[in-house]
N, C-alpha and C. Protein backbone atom coordinates (compact mmCIF):
# COMPACT_ATOMS: atom_id res chain seq x y z
N MET A 1 24.47 -46.53 -21.36
CA MET A 1 23.60 -46.12 -20.40
C MET A 1 22.35 -45.83 -20.81
N VAL A 2 21.34 -46.94 -20.35
CA VAL A 2 19.75 -46.80 -21.02
C VAL A 2 19.13 -46.45 -19.73
N ASN A 3 18.09 -45.53 -20.03
CA ASN A 3 17.11 -45.45 -18.83
C ASN A 3 15.58 -45.67 -19.10
N ILE A 4 14.80 -45.93 -18.47
CA ILE A 4 13.27 -45.96 -18.43
C ILE A 4 12.70 -44.97 -17.75
N SER A 5 11.74 -44.26 -18.17
CA SER A 5 10.85 -43.16 -17.25
C SER A 5 9.59 -43.19 -17.59
N VAL A 6 8.88 -42.56 -16.61
CA VAL A 6 7.49 -42.67 -16.80
C VAL A 6 6.99 -40.93 -16.54
N LEU A 7 5.98 -40.74 -17.68
CA LEU A 7 5.44 -39.26 -17.42
C LEU A 7 3.98 -39.42 -17.02
N TYR A 8 3.88 -38.80 -16.11
CA TYR A 8 2.44 -38.82 -15.40
C TYR A 8 1.47 -37.71 -15.84
N ALA A 9 0.34 -38.10 -16.39
CA ALA A 9 -0.47 -36.77 -16.51
C ALA A 9 -1.55 -36.57 -15.29
N ALA A 10 -1.74 -35.78 -14.83
CA ALA A 10 -2.71 -35.20 -13.93
C ALA A 10 -4.31 -36.07 -14.12
N THR A 11 -4.48 -36.70 -13.02
CA THR A 11 -5.83 -37.16 -13.16
C THR A 11 -6.71 -37.28 -12.25
N GLN A 12 -7.80 -37.57 -11.99
CA GLN A 12 -8.84 -37.74 -10.76
C GLN A 12 -8.48 -38.90 -9.91
N CYS A 13 -7.48 -39.68 -10.18
CA CYS A 13 -7.44 -41.24 -9.51
C CYS A 13 -6.25 -41.41 -8.97
N ILE A 14 -6.39 -42.32 -8.07
CA ILE A 14 -4.74 -43.07 -7.65
C ILE A 14 -4.34 -44.23 -8.14
N CYS A 15 -3.52 -44.31 -8.80
CA CYS A 15 -2.85 -45.63 -9.33
C CYS A 15 -1.36 -45.95 -8.77
N GLU A 16 -1.61 -47.29 -8.78
CA GLU A 16 -0.06 -47.93 -8.32
C GLU A 16 0.24 -48.80 -9.21
N LEU A 17 1.77 -48.62 -10.02
CA LEU A 17 1.93 -49.35 -10.99
C LEU A 17 3.22 -50.16 -10.94
N GLY A 18 2.69 -51.58 -10.76
CA GLY A 18 4.11 -52.62 -10.54
C GLY A 18 4.47 -53.13 -11.80
N PHE A 19 5.81 -53.14 -11.41
CA PHE A 19 6.89 -53.76 -12.68
C PHE A 19 7.34 -55.01 -12.18
N TYR A 20 7.10 -56.26 -12.94
CA TYR A 20 7.29 -57.42 -12.30
C TYR A 20 8.23 -58.38 -13.18
N VAL A 21 9.00 -59.53 -12.79
CA VAL A 21 9.90 -60.12 -13.51
C VAL A 21 9.10 -60.91 -14.79
N ARG A 22 7.95 -61.70 -14.23
CA ARG A 22 7.32 -62.48 -15.56
C ARG A 22 5.59 -62.49 -15.05
N ALA A 23 4.98 -62.96 -16.04
CA ALA A 23 3.65 -63.12 -15.81
C ALA A 23 3.06 -64.26 -15.97
N ILE A 24 2.61 -65.10 -14.81
CA ILE A 24 2.43 -66.81 -14.95
C ILE A 24 1.05 -67.03 -14.86
N ASN A 25 0.43 -67.28 -16.02
CA ASN A 25 -1.04 -67.83 -15.39
C ASN A 25 -1.99 -66.64 -15.34
N GLY A 26 -1.63 -65.50 -15.97
CA GLY A 26 -2.12 -64.08 -15.70
C GLY A 26 -1.85 -63.79 -14.60
N LYS A 27 -1.05 -64.24 -13.71
CA LYS A 27 -0.67 -63.46 -12.19
C LYS A 27 1.11 -62.90 -12.58
N CYS A 28 1.32 -61.79 -12.03
CA CYS A 28 2.69 -61.00 -11.93
C CYS A 28 3.17 -61.68 -10.81
N THR A 29 4.40 -61.67 -10.79
CA THR A 29 5.33 -62.39 -10.01
C THR A 29 6.53 -61.51 -9.64
N GLY A 30 7.17 -61.64 -9.02
CA GLY A 30 8.50 -61.10 -8.66
C GLY A 30 8.52 -59.47 -8.99
N GLU A 31 8.14 -58.87 -7.84
CA GLU A 31 7.96 -57.33 -8.25
C GLU A 31 9.36 -56.78 -8.20
N VAL A 32 9.65 -55.96 -9.18
CA VAL A 32 10.93 -55.28 -9.30
C VAL A 32 10.87 -53.64 -8.85
N LYS A 33 9.84 -53.19 -9.31
CA LYS A 33 9.77 -51.69 -9.22
C LYS A 33 8.14 -51.32 -8.97
N HIS A 34 7.89 -50.73 -7.83
CA HIS A 34 6.47 -50.06 -7.47
C HIS A 34 6.56 -48.53 -7.58
N ILE A 35 5.65 -48.02 -8.43
CA ILE A 35 5.27 -46.36 -8.52
C ILE A 35 3.84 -45.98 -8.01
N ASP A 36 3.64 -45.13 -7.14
CA ASP A 36 2.60 -44.46 -6.82
C ASP A 36 2.38 -43.25 -7.50
N THR A 37 1.77 -43.16 -8.93
CA THR A 37 1.51 -42.34 -9.71
C THR A 37 1.20 -40.85 -9.05
N PRO A 38 0.30 -40.55 -8.26
CA PRO A 38 0.30 -39.22 -7.58
C PRO A 38 1.55 -38.30 -7.28
N GLY A 39 2.20 -39.31 -7.06
CA GLY A 39 3.90 -38.61 -6.23
C GLY A 39 4.41 -38.25 -7.55
N LEU A 40 4.33 -38.62 -8.93
CA LEU A 40 5.38 -38.14 -10.17
C LEU A 40 5.20 -36.66 -10.38
N GLY A 41 4.30 -36.20 -10.32
CA GLY A 41 4.11 -34.74 -11.10
C GLY A 41 3.55 -35.05 -12.51
N LEU A 42 4.44 -34.03 -13.15
CA LEU A 42 4.19 -34.19 -14.56
C LEU A 42 5.37 -34.26 -15.60
N ASP A 43 6.62 -34.66 -14.83
CA ASP A 43 7.75 -34.82 -15.69
C ASP A 43 8.26 -36.05 -15.99
N CYS A 44 9.11 -36.67 -16.71
CA CYS A 44 9.82 -37.94 -17.02
C CYS A 44 10.23 -38.42 -16.06
N VAL A 45 10.10 -39.47 -15.29
CA VAL A 45 10.80 -39.73 -14.43
C VAL A 45 11.39 -41.33 -14.76
N GLU A 46 12.67 -41.24 -14.16
CA GLU A 46 13.57 -42.76 -14.30
C GLU A 46 12.98 -43.69 -13.50
N ILE A 47 12.50 -44.96 -14.17
CA ILE A 47 12.22 -46.03 -13.43
C ILE A 47 13.46 -46.93 -13.32
N PHE A 48 13.78 -47.42 -14.64
CA PHE A 48 14.94 -48.31 -14.54
C PHE A 48 16.15 -47.89 -15.05
N HIS A 49 17.19 -48.07 -14.65
CA HIS A 49 18.40 -47.34 -15.26
C HIS A 49 18.91 -47.81 -16.26
N ASP A 50 18.96 -49.30 -16.43
CA ASP A 50 19.51 -50.20 -17.62
C ASP A 50 18.60 -50.34 -18.83
N LEU A 51 17.18 -49.71 -18.91
CA LEU A 51 16.75 -49.63 -20.18
C LEU A 51 16.36 -48.69 -20.73
N GLY A 52 16.39 -48.25 -21.87
CA GLY A 52 16.19 -47.00 -22.67
C GLY A 52 14.84 -46.72 -23.15
N ASP A 53 13.80 -47.19 -22.21
CA ASP A 53 12.44 -46.79 -22.87
C ASP A 53 11.84 -45.82 -21.73
N SER A 54 10.58 -45.24 -21.87
CA SER A 54 9.78 -44.54 -21.02
C SER A 54 8.33 -44.89 -21.03
N PHE A 55 7.82 -44.56 -20.04
CA PHE A 55 6.29 -44.68 -20.10
C PHE A 55 5.51 -43.51 -19.77
N GLN A 56 4.37 -43.33 -20.64
CA GLN A 56 3.54 -42.29 -20.05
C GLN A 56 2.23 -42.59 -19.49
N LEU A 57 1.71 -42.33 -18.52
CA LEU A 57 0.50 -42.69 -18.13
C LEU A 57 -0.45 -41.71 -18.45
N GLN A 58 -1.48 -42.01 -19.07
CA GLN A 58 -2.10 -40.89 -19.99
C GLN A 58 -3.43 -40.52 -19.09
N THR A 59 -4.28 -41.87 -18.88
CA THR A 59 -5.39 -41.48 -18.42
C THR A 59 -5.56 -42.48 -17.39
N CYS A 60 -6.49 -41.94 -16.02
CA CYS A 60 -6.57 -42.97 -14.76
C CYS A 60 -7.98 -42.95 -14.36
N THR A 61 -8.67 -44.25 -14.36
CA THR A 61 -9.97 -43.93 -13.80
C THR A 61 -9.78 -45.34 -12.77
N GLN A 62 -10.55 -45.62 -11.85
CA GLN A 62 -10.75 -46.59 -10.93
C GLN A 62 -10.60 -48.02 -11.66
N GLU A 63 -11.15 -47.85 -13.12
CA GLU A 63 -10.94 -49.40 -13.53
C GLU A 63 -9.78 -49.53 -14.23
N GLY A 64 -8.65 -48.51 -14.32
CA GLY A 64 -7.32 -48.85 -14.99
C GLY A 64 -6.46 -47.54 -15.66
N ILE A 65 -5.83 -47.82 -16.08
CA ILE A 65 -4.90 -46.69 -16.89
C ILE A 65 -4.53 -46.88 -18.44
N ASN A 66 -4.46 -45.79 -19.14
CA ASN A 66 -3.76 -46.11 -20.40
C ASN A 66 -2.06 -45.71 -20.22
N VAL A 67 -1.39 -46.46 -20.76
CA VAL A 67 -0.03 -46.34 -20.88
C VAL A 67 0.40 -46.32 -22.48
N THR A 68 1.35 -45.41 -22.45
CA THR A 68 1.97 -45.43 -23.60
C THR A 68 3.58 -45.67 -23.53
N ILE A 69 4.25 -46.69 -24.18
CA ILE A 69 5.65 -47.06 -23.94
C ILE A 69 6.40 -46.44 -25.14
N PHE A 70 7.59 -45.88 -24.73
CA PHE A 70 8.07 -45.10 -25.61
C PHE A 70 9.60 -45.57 -25.91
N ALA A 71 10.27 -45.33 -27.00
CA ALA A 71 11.46 -46.02 -27.30
C ALA A 71 12.74 -45.02 -26.83
N ASP A 72 12.35 -43.88 -25.99
CA ASP A 72 13.48 -43.07 -25.75
C ASP A 72 13.14 -43.06 -23.95
N ASP A 73 14.37 -42.24 -23.62
CA ASP A 73 13.97 -41.76 -22.09
C ASP A 73 13.34 -40.42 -21.75
N GLY A 74 13.27 -39.78 -22.81
CA GLY A 74 12.49 -38.71 -22.63
C GLY A 74 10.86 -38.64 -23.24
N CYS A 75 10.37 -39.91 -23.00
CA CYS A 75 8.65 -39.78 -23.52
C CYS A 75 8.52 -39.04 -25.06
N GLY A 76 9.38 -39.22 -25.71
CA GLY A 76 9.33 -38.60 -27.03
C GLY A 76 8.93 -39.65 -28.21
N LYS A 77 9.54 -41.01 -28.07
CA LYS A 77 9.24 -41.70 -29.48
C LYS A 77 8.38 -42.81 -29.21
N PRO A 78 7.05 -42.75 -29.25
CA PRO A 78 6.34 -43.67 -28.93
C PRO A 78 6.40 -44.88 -29.79
N LEU A 79 6.29 -46.31 -28.97
CA LEU A 79 6.42 -47.61 -29.45
C LEU A 79 5.17 -48.00 -29.67
N PHE A 80 4.05 -48.00 -28.47
CA PHE A 80 2.78 -48.49 -28.74
C PHE A 80 2.10 -48.27 -27.54
N SER A 81 0.69 -47.97 -27.47
CA SER A 81 -0.30 -47.80 -26.39
C SER A 81 -0.73 -48.94 -25.97
N GLN A 82 -1.10 -48.88 -24.55
CA GLN A 82 -1.87 -50.37 -24.11
C GLN A 82 -3.13 -49.66 -22.67
N TYR A 83 -3.99 -50.31 -22.77
CA TYR A 83 -4.82 -49.97 -21.78
C TYR A 83 -4.51 -51.05 -20.48
N LEU A 84 -4.41 -50.88 -19.31
CA LEU A 84 -3.97 -51.75 -18.09
C LEU A 84 -5.38 -51.78 -17.23
N PRO A 85 -6.31 -52.59 -17.27
CA PRO A 85 -7.22 -52.76 -16.33
C PRO A 85 -6.67 -52.86 -14.76
N THR A 86 -7.10 -52.44 -13.95
CA THR A 86 -6.87 -52.42 -12.75
C THR A 86 -6.69 -54.21 -11.99
N GLY A 87 -5.85 -54.43 -11.67
CA GLY A 87 -5.55 -55.81 -10.99
C GLY A 87 -4.96 -56.78 -12.11
N HIS A 88 -4.89 -56.51 -13.29
CA HIS A 88 -4.82 -57.71 -14.18
C HIS A 88 -3.53 -57.49 -14.95
N CYS A 89 -2.54 -58.56 -14.99
CA CYS A 89 -1.29 -58.69 -15.33
C CYS A 89 -0.93 -58.80 -16.59
N HIS A 90 -0.11 -57.90 -17.47
CA HIS A 90 0.04 -57.82 -18.57
C HIS A 90 1.60 -57.97 -18.95
N PRO A 91 1.86 -59.09 -19.80
CA PRO A 91 3.49 -58.87 -20.27
C PRO A 91 3.82 -58.00 -21.45
N VAL A 92 5.03 -57.22 -21.25
CA VAL A 92 5.00 -56.01 -22.21
C VAL A 92 6.59 -56.45 -22.64
N GLU A 93 6.90 -55.97 -24.02
CA GLU A 93 8.34 -56.07 -24.55
C GLU A 93 8.99 -55.09 -24.33
N ILE A 94 10.08 -54.65 -23.79
CA ILE A 94 10.43 -53.41 -23.52
C ILE A 94 12.32 -53.74 -23.80
N SER A 95 12.75 -52.69 -24.76
CA SER A 95 14.10 -52.96 -25.16
C SER A 95 14.80 -54.39 -25.06
N ASN A 96 13.81 -55.60 -25.91
CA ASN A 96 13.82 -56.90 -25.86
C ASN A 96 14.11 -57.84 -24.55
N HIS A 97 13.45 -57.04 -23.72
CA HIS A 97 13.29 -57.61 -22.44
C HIS A 97 11.84 -57.82 -22.02
N THR A 98 11.41 -58.73 -21.63
CA THR A 98 9.91 -59.10 -21.39
C THR A 98 9.71 -58.80 -19.88
N LEU A 99 8.76 -58.01 -19.44
CA LEU A 99 8.43 -57.76 -18.05
C LEU A 99 6.87 -57.94 -18.31
N ALA A 100 6.42 -57.97 -16.94
CA ALA A 100 5.15 -57.87 -16.80
C ALA A 100 4.66 -56.67 -15.94
N VAL A 101 3.33 -55.74 -16.49
CA VAL A 101 3.01 -54.45 -15.67
C VAL A 101 1.81 -54.75 -14.94
N MET A 102 1.41 -54.58 -13.88
CA MET A 102 -0.16 -54.48 -13.14
C MET A 102 -0.09 -53.14 -12.88
N ALA A 103 -1.48 -52.63 -12.89
CA ALA A 103 -1.97 -51.45 -12.51
C ALA A 103 -3.06 -51.54 -11.37
N LYS A 104 -3.28 -51.00 -10.35
CA LYS A 104 -4.12 -51.05 -9.48
C LYS A 104 -4.55 -49.26 -8.88
N CYS A 105 -5.89 -49.42 -9.68
CA CYS A 105 -6.29 -47.96 -9.53
C CYS A 105 -7.80 -47.85 -8.56
N GLY A 106 -7.92 -46.68 -8.23
CA GLY A 106 -9.01 -46.17 -7.11
C GLY A 106 -9.32 -44.57 -7.41
N GLU A 107 -10.50 -44.16 -7.33
CA GLU A 107 -11.04 -43.09 -7.13
C GLU A 107 -10.16 -42.21 -5.91
N GLU A 108 -9.59 -41.02 -6.28
CA GLU A 108 -9.19 -40.05 -5.11
C GLU A 108 -10.34 -39.52 -4.37
């Protein structure tokens, strides 16, 4: 059993984080999960039950968020960090799966 989780650090903005099947010509298609970050609190939260990684949302502005992807479901073994500007689709490799991630952010 593998998990994927998010740890949200409190910020002064609202972000939506979408996970997609793929990125085509810079656009995300096939949304499989949508997360509204203000509802997460400070704990690691499972996203996908079958993947063994986690995400930590570190900073949030109306322009985007910083995300760290971890190799475990407890936000303890960092793989890499990436800045996600709002509205831009980014392909990411997670546990040998390629997904796309897109953030949409705004001030609270």
